[in-house]
Amino acid sequence: MHGPMRGFTLLEVLIALVVVAVTLTAATAAIGGAARRQRGLEERTFATWAAHNTLGRLRLDGLAGDHAERQQALAGQRLQVTVQAHDQEALRRLELVVHRVGEDEVLARLTGFLPRPTVEPLPMSNPGPAPESGSQQQPASDGASGPVPEPPL
């Protein structure tokens, strides 16, 4: 008489291999999808930073006209920032759109505001009339005294 057999049959081994192969395939696909989503998130984050950088630069330099395009390099990407200005009562609404140079896919959009450009005469180099005798005097940071300047409006 033969005792109980030990070990696995060929059919059981093949079924186990199929289960492992399907599991590994699903895991690989999930990891690849997560990596693609992470890369997309990084690209959109850098694009948003590029839009904020451009808006900050425009707040410092101003925007002549109603349209501008600027390129920036961030994290190995060449990004194109397109700016479209829309004048409103006291402000200019800026719409910034960011995409990779040479591509049409929009990575980020940003809306910002600037004061409307005004044409004001430049201050004259002549200091004007002398201060009245009743005006307040405060020492300047270098120790000299002079009239207290009015803050700009």
N, C-alpha and C. Protein backbone atom coordinates (compact mmCIF):
# COMPACT_ATOMS: atom_id res chain seq x y z
N MET A 1 0.80 -1.16 0.00
CA MET A 1 0.00 0.00 0.00
C MET A 1 0.85 1.23 0.00
N HIS A 2 0.34 2.15 -0.67
CA HIS A 2 1.09 3.39 -0.76
C HIS A 2 0.57 4.39 0.27
N GLY A 3 1.46 5.14 0.89
CA GLY A 3 1.08 6.17 1.86
C GLY A 3 0.59 7.43 1.16
N PRO A 4 0.18 8.38 1.95
CA PRO A 4 -0.28 9.63 1.33
C PRO A 4 0.86 10.30 0.57
N MET A 5 0.51 10.86 -0.57
CA MET A 5 1.52 11.51 -1.43
C MET A 5 1.78 12.93 -0.92
N ARG A 6 2.99 13.29 -1.00
CA ARG A 6 3.37 14.64 -0.58
C ARG A 6 3.77 15.43 -1.80
N GLY A 7 3.57 16.78 -1.73
CA GLY A 7 3.97 17.66 -2.81
C GLY A 7 2.77 18.19 -3.57
N PHE A 8 3.05 18.95 -4.60
CA PHE A 8 2.01 19.58 -5.41
C PHE A 8 1.96 18.92 -6.77
N THR A 9 0.79 18.93 -7.33
CA THR A 9 0.66 18.42 -8.69
C THR A 9 1.07 19.50 -9.66
N LEU A 10 1.32 19.13 -10.87
CA LEU A 10 1.70 20.09 -11.90
C LEU A 10 0.59 21.12 -12.12
N LEU A 11 -0.63 20.71 -12.06
CA LEU A 11 -1.77 21.61 -12.24
C LEU A 11 -1.80 22.66 -11.13
N GLU A 12 -1.57 22.28 -9.90
CA GLU A 12 -1.56 23.24 -8.78
C GLU A 12 -0.43 24.25 -8.93
N VAL A 13 0.72 23.81 -9.37
CA VAL A 13 1.86 24.72 -9.58
C VAL A 13 1.53 25.71 -10.69
N LEU A 14 0.94 25.27 -11.78
CA LEU A 14 0.59 26.17 -12.89
C LEU A 14 -0.45 27.20 -12.45
N ILE A 15 -1.44 26.77 -11.68
CA ILE A 15 -2.46 27.71 -11.18
C ILE A 15 -1.81 28.75 -10.27
N ALA A 16 -0.91 28.35 -9.41
CA ALA A 16 -0.21 29.29 -8.52
C ALA A 16 0.62 30.28 -9.33
N LEU A 17 1.28 29.83 -10.38
CA LEU A 17 2.07 30.74 -11.23
C LEU A 17 1.17 31.74 -11.95
N VAL A 18 0.01 31.32 -12.41
CA VAL A 18 -0.93 32.24 -13.08
C VAL A 18 -1.41 33.30 -12.10
N VAL A 19 -1.74 32.90 -10.87
CA VAL A 19 -2.19 33.85 -9.85
C VAL A 19 -1.09 34.87 -9.55
N VAL A 20 0.13 34.42 -9.39
CA VAL A 20 1.25 35.33 -9.12
C VAL A 20 1.48 36.27 -10.30
N ALA A 21 1.41 35.77 -11.53
CA ALA A 21 1.62 36.60 -12.72
C ALA A 21 0.55 37.68 -12.83
N VAL A 22 -0.71 37.33 -12.61
CA VAL A 22 -1.80 38.31 -12.67
C VAL A 22 -1.62 39.37 -11.58
N THR A 23 -1.26 38.96 -10.39
CA THR A 23 -1.05 39.89 -9.28
C THR A 23 0.09 40.85 -9.58
N LEU A 24 1.20 40.34 -10.09
CA LEU A 24 2.35 41.21 -10.41
C LEU A 24 2.02 42.16 -11.55
N THR A 25 1.26 41.70 -12.53
CA THR A 25 0.87 42.58 -13.64
C THR A 25 0.00 43.72 -13.13
N ALA A 26 -0.96 43.42 -12.28
CA ALA A 26 -1.83 44.46 -11.72
C ALA A 26 -1.03 45.44 -10.86
N ALA A 27 -0.08 44.94 -10.07
CA ALA A 27 0.74 45.80 -9.23
C ALA A 27 1.62 46.72 -10.07
N THR A 28 2.18 46.19 -11.14
CA THR A 28 3.03 47.00 -12.03
C THR A 28 2.22 48.11 -12.70
N ALA A 29 1.01 47.78 -13.15
CA ALA A 29 0.15 48.79 -13.77
C ALA A 29 -0.23 49.88 -12.77
N ALA A 30 -0.52 49.49 -11.53
CA ALA A 30 -0.88 50.47 -10.50
C ALA A 30 0.29 51.39 -10.18
N ILE A 31 1.49 50.82 -10.09
CA ILE A 31 2.67 51.63 -9.79
C ILE A 31 2.96 52.59 -10.95
N GLY A 32 2.83 52.11 -12.19
CA GLY A 32 3.05 52.97 -13.35
C GLY A 32 2.04 54.12 -13.40
N GLY A 33 0.78 53.83 -13.10
CA GLY A 33 -0.24 54.89 -13.07
C GLY A 33 0.04 55.91 -12.00
N ALA A 34 0.47 55.45 -10.83
CA ALA A 34 0.79 56.38 -9.74
C ALA A 34 1.98 57.26 -10.12
N ALA A 35 2.96 56.69 -10.80
CA ALA A 35 4.13 57.48 -11.24
C ALA A 35 3.72 58.53 -12.27
N ARG A 36 2.83 58.17 -13.20
CA ARG A 36 2.36 59.14 -14.19
C ARG A 36 1.57 60.27 -13.53
N ARG A 37 0.72 59.93 -12.57
CA ARG A 37 -0.05 60.96 -11.87
C ARG A 37 0.88 61.87 -11.07
N GLN A 38 1.91 61.31 -10.44
CA GLN A 38 2.87 62.11 -9.69
C GLN A 38 3.60 63.07 -10.60
N ARG A 39 4.04 62.60 -11.76
CA ARG A 39 4.74 63.47 -12.71
C ARG A 39 3.83 64.58 -13.22
N GLY A 40 2.56 64.25 -13.48
CA GLY A 40 1.61 65.27 -13.91
C GLY A 40 1.39 66.32 -12.84
N LEU A 41 1.31 65.88 -11.59
CA LEU A 41 1.15 66.82 -10.48
C LEU A 41 2.36 67.73 -10.37
N GLU A 42 3.56 67.18 -10.53
CA GLU A 42 4.78 68.01 -10.49
C GLU A 42 4.77 69.03 -11.62
N GLU A 43 4.40 68.61 -12.83
CA GLU A 43 4.37 69.54 -13.96
C GLU A 43 3.38 70.67 -13.72
N ARG A 44 2.20 70.35 -13.20
CA ARG A 44 1.20 71.39 -12.94
C ARG A 44 1.65 72.30 -11.81
N THR A 45 2.36 71.76 -10.82
CA THR A 45 2.88 72.59 -9.73
C THR A 45 3.91 73.58 -10.26
N PHE A 46 4.86 73.10 -11.08
CA PHE A 46 5.86 74.00 -11.65
C PHE A 46 5.21 75.03 -12.56
N ALA A 47 4.19 74.65 -13.30
CA ALA A 47 3.49 75.58 -14.17
C ALA A 47 2.79 76.66 -13.35
N THR A 48 2.20 76.28 -12.22
CA THR A 48 1.56 77.26 -11.34
C THR A 48 2.60 78.21 -10.77
N TRP A 49 3.76 77.68 -10.40
CA TRP A 49 4.84 78.55 -9.92
C TRP A 49 5.28 79.52 -11.00
N ALA A 50 5.38 79.05 -12.23
CA ALA A 50 5.78 79.93 -13.33
C ALA A 50 4.76 81.05 -13.51
N ALA A 51 3.47 80.73 -13.39
CA ALA A 51 2.43 81.76 -13.51
C ALA A 51 2.55 82.77 -12.37
N HIS A 52 2.76 82.30 -11.14
CA HIS A 52 2.92 83.21 -10.01
C HIS A 52 4.19 84.07 -10.17
N ASN A 53 5.28 83.47 -10.65
CA ASN A 53 6.51 84.24 -10.89
C ASN A 53 6.25 85.35 -11.91
N THR A 54 5.55 85.02 -12.98
CA THR A 54 5.25 86.01 -14.02
C THR A 54 4.35 87.11 -13.47
N LEU A 55 3.34 86.74 -12.70
CA LEU A 55 2.45 87.74 -12.11
C LEU A 55 3.22 88.66 -11.17
N GLY A 56 4.11 88.11 -10.37
CA GLY A 56 4.94 88.94 -9.49
C GLY A 56 5.83 89.89 -10.27
N ARG A 57 6.42 89.40 -11.36
CA ARG A 57 7.26 90.25 -12.20
C ARG A 57 6.43 91.37 -12.83
N LEU A 58 5.22 91.06 -13.26
CA LEU A 58 4.34 92.08 -13.84
C LEU A 58 3.92 93.10 -12.80
N ARG A 59 3.76 92.67 -11.56
CA ARG A 59 3.42 93.63 -10.50
C ARG A 59 4.57 94.58 -10.24
N LEU A 60 5.80 94.10 -10.42
CA LEU A 60 6.96 94.97 -10.24
C LEU A 60 7.20 95.86 -11.46
N ASP A 61 7.12 95.29 -12.66
CA ASP A 61 7.48 96.00 -13.88
C ASP A 61 6.31 96.65 -14.58
N GLY A 62 5.09 96.18 -14.32
CA GLY A 62 3.93 96.67 -15.05
C GLY A 62 3.79 95.90 -16.36
N LEU A 63 2.68 96.14 -17.03
CA LEU A 63 2.40 95.47 -18.30
C LEU A 63 2.00 96.53 -19.30
N ALA A 64 2.82 96.73 -20.31
CA ALA A 64 2.50 97.67 -21.38
C ALA A 64 1.70 96.90 -22.42
N GLY A 65 0.54 97.39 -22.76
CA GLY A 65 -0.29 96.70 -23.73
C GLY A 65 -1.25 95.75 -23.05
N ASP A 66 -1.86 94.91 -23.86
CA ASP A 66 -2.86 94.01 -23.30
C ASP A 66 -2.51 92.53 -23.50
N HIS A 67 -1.28 92.24 -23.96
CA HIS A 67 -0.90 90.86 -24.22
C HIS A 67 0.62 90.73 -24.03
N ALA A 68 1.04 89.62 -23.46
CA ALA A 68 2.47 89.36 -23.30
C ALA A 68 2.68 87.86 -23.29
N GLU A 69 3.86 87.44 -23.72
CA GLU A 69 4.26 86.04 -23.65
C GLU A 69 5.67 86.00 -23.09
N ARG A 70 5.87 85.12 -22.12
CA ARG A 70 7.18 84.98 -21.50
C ARG A 70 7.51 83.50 -21.36
N GLN A 71 8.78 83.17 -21.51
CA GLN A 71 9.22 81.79 -21.34
C GLN A 71 10.04 81.68 -20.07
N GLN A 72 9.88 80.55 -19.39
CA GLN A 72 10.65 80.28 -18.18
C GLN A 72 11.11 78.84 -18.21
N ALA A 73 12.24 78.59 -17.57
CA ALA A 73 12.72 77.21 -17.42
C ALA A 73 12.61 76.85 -15.94
N LEU A 74 11.83 75.81 -15.66
CA LEU A 74 11.68 75.32 -14.30
C LEU A 74 11.78 73.80 -14.30
N ALA A 75 12.64 73.26 -13.48
CA ALA A 75 12.79 71.81 -13.32
C ALA A 75 12.98 71.11 -14.65
N GLY A 76 13.80 71.68 -15.51
CA GLY A 76 14.09 71.05 -16.79
C GLY A 76 13.00 71.21 -17.83
N GLN A 77 11.98 71.99 -17.54
CA GLN A 77 10.90 72.22 -18.50
C GLN A 77 10.99 73.63 -19.04
N ARG A 78 10.70 73.79 -20.32
CA ARG A 78 10.57 75.13 -20.91
C ARG A 78 9.09 75.45 -20.94
N LEU A 79 8.68 76.45 -20.18
CA LEU A 79 7.28 76.80 -20.05
C LEU A 79 7.00 78.14 -20.71
N GLN A 80 5.88 78.23 -21.37
CA GLN A 80 5.42 79.45 -22.03
C GLN A 80 4.26 80.00 -21.20
N VAL A 81 4.36 81.26 -20.75
CA VAL A 81 3.29 81.91 -20.00
C VAL A 81 2.70 82.99 -20.88
N THR A 82 1.42 82.85 -21.19
CA THR A 82 0.71 83.82 -22.01
C THR A 82 -0.16 84.66 -21.09
N VAL A 83 -0.05 85.99 -21.23
CA VAL A 83 -0.78 86.92 -20.37
C VAL A 83 -1.74 87.72 -21.24
N GLN A 84 -3.00 87.75 -20.83
CA GLN A 84 -4.00 88.56 -21.51
C GLN A 84 -4.60 89.50 -20.47
N ALA A 85 -4.59 90.82 -20.75
CA ALA A 85 -5.09 91.81 -19.79
C ALA A 85 -6.46 92.30 -20.23
N HIS A 86 -7.33 92.50 -19.26
CA HIS A 86 -8.67 93.02 -19.49
C HIS A 86 -8.86 94.20 -18.54
N ASP A 87 -9.01 95.41 -19.09
CA ASP A 87 -9.18 96.59 -18.25
C ASP A 87 -10.57 96.62 -17.66
N GLN A 88 -10.64 96.93 -16.36
CA GLN A 88 -11.89 97.13 -15.66
C GLN A 88 -11.85 98.52 -15.06
N GLU A 89 -12.74 98.85 -14.15
CA GLU A 89 -12.82 100.22 -13.65
C GLU A 89 -11.48 100.72 -13.09
N ALA A 90 -11.02 100.15 -12.01
CA ALA A 90 -9.78 100.63 -11.39
C ALA A 90 -8.65 99.60 -11.50
N LEU A 91 -8.94 98.44 -12.07
CA LEU A 91 -7.94 97.38 -12.10
C LEU A 91 -7.82 96.80 -13.51
N ARG A 92 -6.74 96.10 -13.70
CA ARG A 92 -6.57 95.27 -14.90
C ARG A 92 -6.60 93.83 -14.43
N ARG A 93 -7.50 93.05 -15.00
CA ARG A 93 -7.56 91.62 -14.69
C ARG A 93 -6.66 90.90 -15.67
N LEU A 94 -5.71 90.14 -15.14
CA LEU A 94 -4.76 89.40 -15.98
C LEU A 94 -5.11 87.92 -15.95
N GLU A 95 -5.18 87.32 -17.11
CA GLU A 95 -5.38 85.88 -17.22
C GLU A 95 -4.07 85.29 -17.74
N LEU A 96 -3.47 84.43 -16.94
CA LEU A 96 -2.21 83.80 -17.29
C LEU A 96 -2.47 82.33 -17.60
N VAL A 97 -1.96 81.86 -18.73
CA VAL A 97 -2.12 80.48 -19.16
C VAL A 97 -0.71 79.93 -19.39
N VAL A 98 -0.43 78.74 -18.83
CA VAL A 98 0.91 78.15 -18.92
C VAL A 98 0.83 76.82 -19.66
N HIS A 99 1.76 76.63 -20.59
CA HIS A 99 1.90 75.35 -21.28
C HIS A 99 3.36 75.16 -21.63
N ARG A 100 3.73 73.92 -21.99
CA ARG A 100 5.10 73.66 -22.41
C ARG A 100 5.34 74.34 -23.75
N VAL A 101 6.56 74.82 -23.97
CA VAL A 101 6.90 75.46 -25.23
C VAL A 101 6.67 74.47 -26.36
N GLY A 102 5.92 74.90 -27.38
CA GLY A 102 5.66 74.07 -28.54
C GLY A 102 4.51 73.10 -28.37
N GLU A 103 3.82 73.13 -27.23
CA GLU A 103 2.69 72.23 -27.01
C GLU A 103 1.46 73.05 -26.65
N ASP A 104 0.29 72.47 -26.85
CA ASP A 104 -0.96 73.18 -26.59
C ASP A 104 -1.62 72.81 -25.27
N GLU A 105 -1.18 71.74 -24.62
CA GLU A 105 -1.82 71.31 -23.38
C GLU A 105 -1.61 72.35 -22.29
N VAL A 106 -2.72 72.84 -21.72
CA VAL A 106 -2.66 73.84 -20.66
C VAL A 106 -2.32 73.14 -19.35
N LEU A 107 -1.25 73.59 -18.71
CA LEU A 107 -0.81 73.02 -17.44
C LEU A 107 -1.35 73.79 -16.24
N ALA A 108 -1.55 75.10 -16.41
CA ALA A 108 -2.03 75.91 -15.29
C ALA A 108 -2.69 77.18 -15.83
N ARG A 109 -3.64 77.67 -15.05
CA ARG A 109 -4.29 78.96 -15.31
C ARG A 109 -4.27 79.75 -14.01
N LEU A 110 -4.09 81.06 -14.14
CA LEU A 110 -4.05 81.93 -12.97
C LEU A 110 -4.68 83.25 -13.35
N THR A 111 -5.48 83.81 -12.46
CA THR A 111 -6.04 85.14 -12.65
C THR A 111 -5.46 86.04 -11.58
N GLY A 112 -5.00 87.21 -11.98
CA GLY A 112 -4.44 88.17 -11.05
C GLY A 112 -4.89 89.57 -11.41
N PHE A 113 -4.55 90.53 -10.58
CA PHE A 113 -4.99 91.90 -10.80
C PHE A 113 -3.81 92.85 -10.63
N LEU A 114 -3.83 93.90 -11.45
CA LEU A 114 -2.86 94.99 -11.36
C LEU A 114 -3.63 96.30 -11.38
N PRO A 115 -3.06 97.36 -10.84
CA PRO A 115 -3.71 98.66 -11.01
C PRO A 115 -3.68 99.05 -12.49
N ARG A 116 -4.70 99.76 -12.93
CA ARG A 116 -4.71 100.21 -14.32
C ARG A 116 -3.58 101.20 -14.53
N PRO A 117 -2.92 101.13 -15.66
CA PRO A 117 -1.84 102.08 -15.90
C PRO A 117 -2.41 103.49 -16.07
N THR A 118 -1.76 104.43 -15.46
CA THR A 118 -2.16 105.83 -15.60
C THR A 118 -0.97 106.61 -16.08
N VAL A 119 -1.23 107.64 -16.81
CA VAL A 119 -0.16 108.51 -17.28
C VAL A 119 -0.16 109.72 -16.38
N GLU A 120 0.85 109.79 -15.54
CA GLU A 120 0.99 110.91 -14.61
C GLU A 120 2.28 111.65 -14.95
N PRO A 121 2.28 112.95 -14.76
CA PRO A 121 3.53 113.68 -15.01
C PRO A 121 4.60 113.23 -14.03
N LEU A 122 5.82 113.17 -14.52
CA LEU A 122 6.95 112.82 -13.66
C LEU A 122 7.21 113.94 -12.67
N PRO A 123 7.65 113.62 -11.47
CA PRO A 123 7.94 114.68 -10.50
C PRO A 123 9.07 115.57 -11.01
N MET A 124 8.93 116.82 -10.75
CA MET A 124 9.94 117.79 -11.19
C MET A 124 11.17 117.67 -10.30
N SER A 125 12.33 118.00 -10.87
CA SER A 125 13.56 117.94 -10.08
C SER A 125 13.66 119.12 -9.12
N ASN A 126 12.89 120.20 -9.37
CA ASN A 126 12.86 121.35 -8.49
C ASN A 126 12.08 120.97 -7.24
N PRO A 127 12.65 121.11 -6.05
CA PRO A 127 11.97 120.68 -4.84
C PRO A 127 10.73 121.49 -4.52
N GLY A 128 10.50 122.62 -5.16
CA GLY A 128 9.30 123.41 -4.90
C GLY A 128 9.56 124.44 -3.81
N PRO A 129 8.49 125.02 -3.29
CA PRO A 129 8.66 126.08 -2.28
C PRO A 129 9.19 125.49 -0.97
N ALA A 130 9.85 126.36 -0.23
CA ALA A 130 10.40 125.95 1.06
C ALA A 130 9.26 125.65 2.02
N PRO A 131 9.46 124.74 2.95
CA PRO A 131 8.39 124.42 3.90
C PRO A 131 8.06 125.60 4.78
N GLU A 132 6.80 125.67 5.17
CA GLU A 132 6.37 126.76 6.04
C GLU A 132 7.01 126.61 7.40
N SER A 133 7.05 127.71 8.14
CA SER A 133 7.73 127.66 9.43
C SER A 133 7.01 126.77 10.43
N GLY A 134 5.71 126.49 10.23
CA GLY A 134 4.98 125.66 11.18
C GLY A 134 5.01 124.18 10.84
N SER A 135 5.71 123.79 9.78
CA SER A 135 5.70 122.37 9.40
C SER A 135 6.57 121.56 10.34
N GLN A 136 6.23 120.29 10.48
CA GLN A 136 6.98 119.42 11.39
C GLN A 136 8.30 119.01 10.75
N GLN A 137 9.30 118.94 11.55
CA GLN A 137 10.62 118.50 11.12
C GLN A 137 10.96 117.24 11.89
N GLN A 138 11.47 116.20 11.20
CA GLN A 138 11.95 114.99 11.86
C GLN A 138 13.33 114.67 11.31
N PRO A 139 14.21 114.14 12.16
CA PRO A 139 15.53 113.78 11.64
C PRO A 139 15.41 112.61 10.66
N ALA A 140 16.18 112.70 9.59
CA ALA A 140 16.23 111.61 8.61
C ALA A 140 17.16 110.53 9.15
N SER A 141 17.20 109.39 8.46
CA SER A 141 18.00 108.27 8.95
C SER A 141 19.49 108.59 8.93
N ASP A 142 19.91 109.56 8.12
CA ASP A 142 21.34 109.87 8.08
C ASP A 142 21.71 111.00 9.02
N GLY A 143 20.75 111.43 9.84
CA GLY A 143 21.06 112.48 10.81
C GLY A 143 20.66 113.85 10.33
N ALA A 144 20.39 114.06 9.04
CA ALA A 144 19.98 115.36 8.53
C ALA A 144 18.51 115.57 8.82
N SER A 145 18.09 116.82 8.92
CA SER A 145 16.67 117.09 9.16
C SER A 145 16.06 117.68 7.91
N GLY A 146 14.77 117.45 7.74
CA GLY A 146 14.04 117.94 6.58
C GLY A 146 12.57 117.68 6.76
N PRO A 147 11.76 118.14 5.81
CA PRO A 147 10.32 117.94 5.95
C PRO A 147 9.97 116.46 5.85
N VAL A 148 8.90 116.07 6.52
CA VAL A 148 8.42 114.70 6.47
C VAL A 148 7.67 114.53 5.15
N PRO A 149 8.09 113.57 4.32
CA PRO A 149 7.41 113.43 3.02
C PRO A 149 6.01 112.86 3.21
N GLU A 150 5.11 113.27 2.34
CA GLU A 150 3.74 112.74 2.33
C GLU A 150 3.78 111.36 1.71
N PRO A 151 3.05 110.40 2.28
CA PRO A 151 3.02 109.07 1.66
C PRO A 151 2.26 109.13 0.33
N PRO A 152 2.69 108.35 -0.65
CA PRO A 152 2.00 108.36 -1.94
C PRO A 152 0.60 107.77 -1.80
N LEU A 153 -0.29 108.25 -2.60
CA LEU A 153 -1.67 107.76 -2.56
C LEU A 153 -1.87 106.63 -3.52
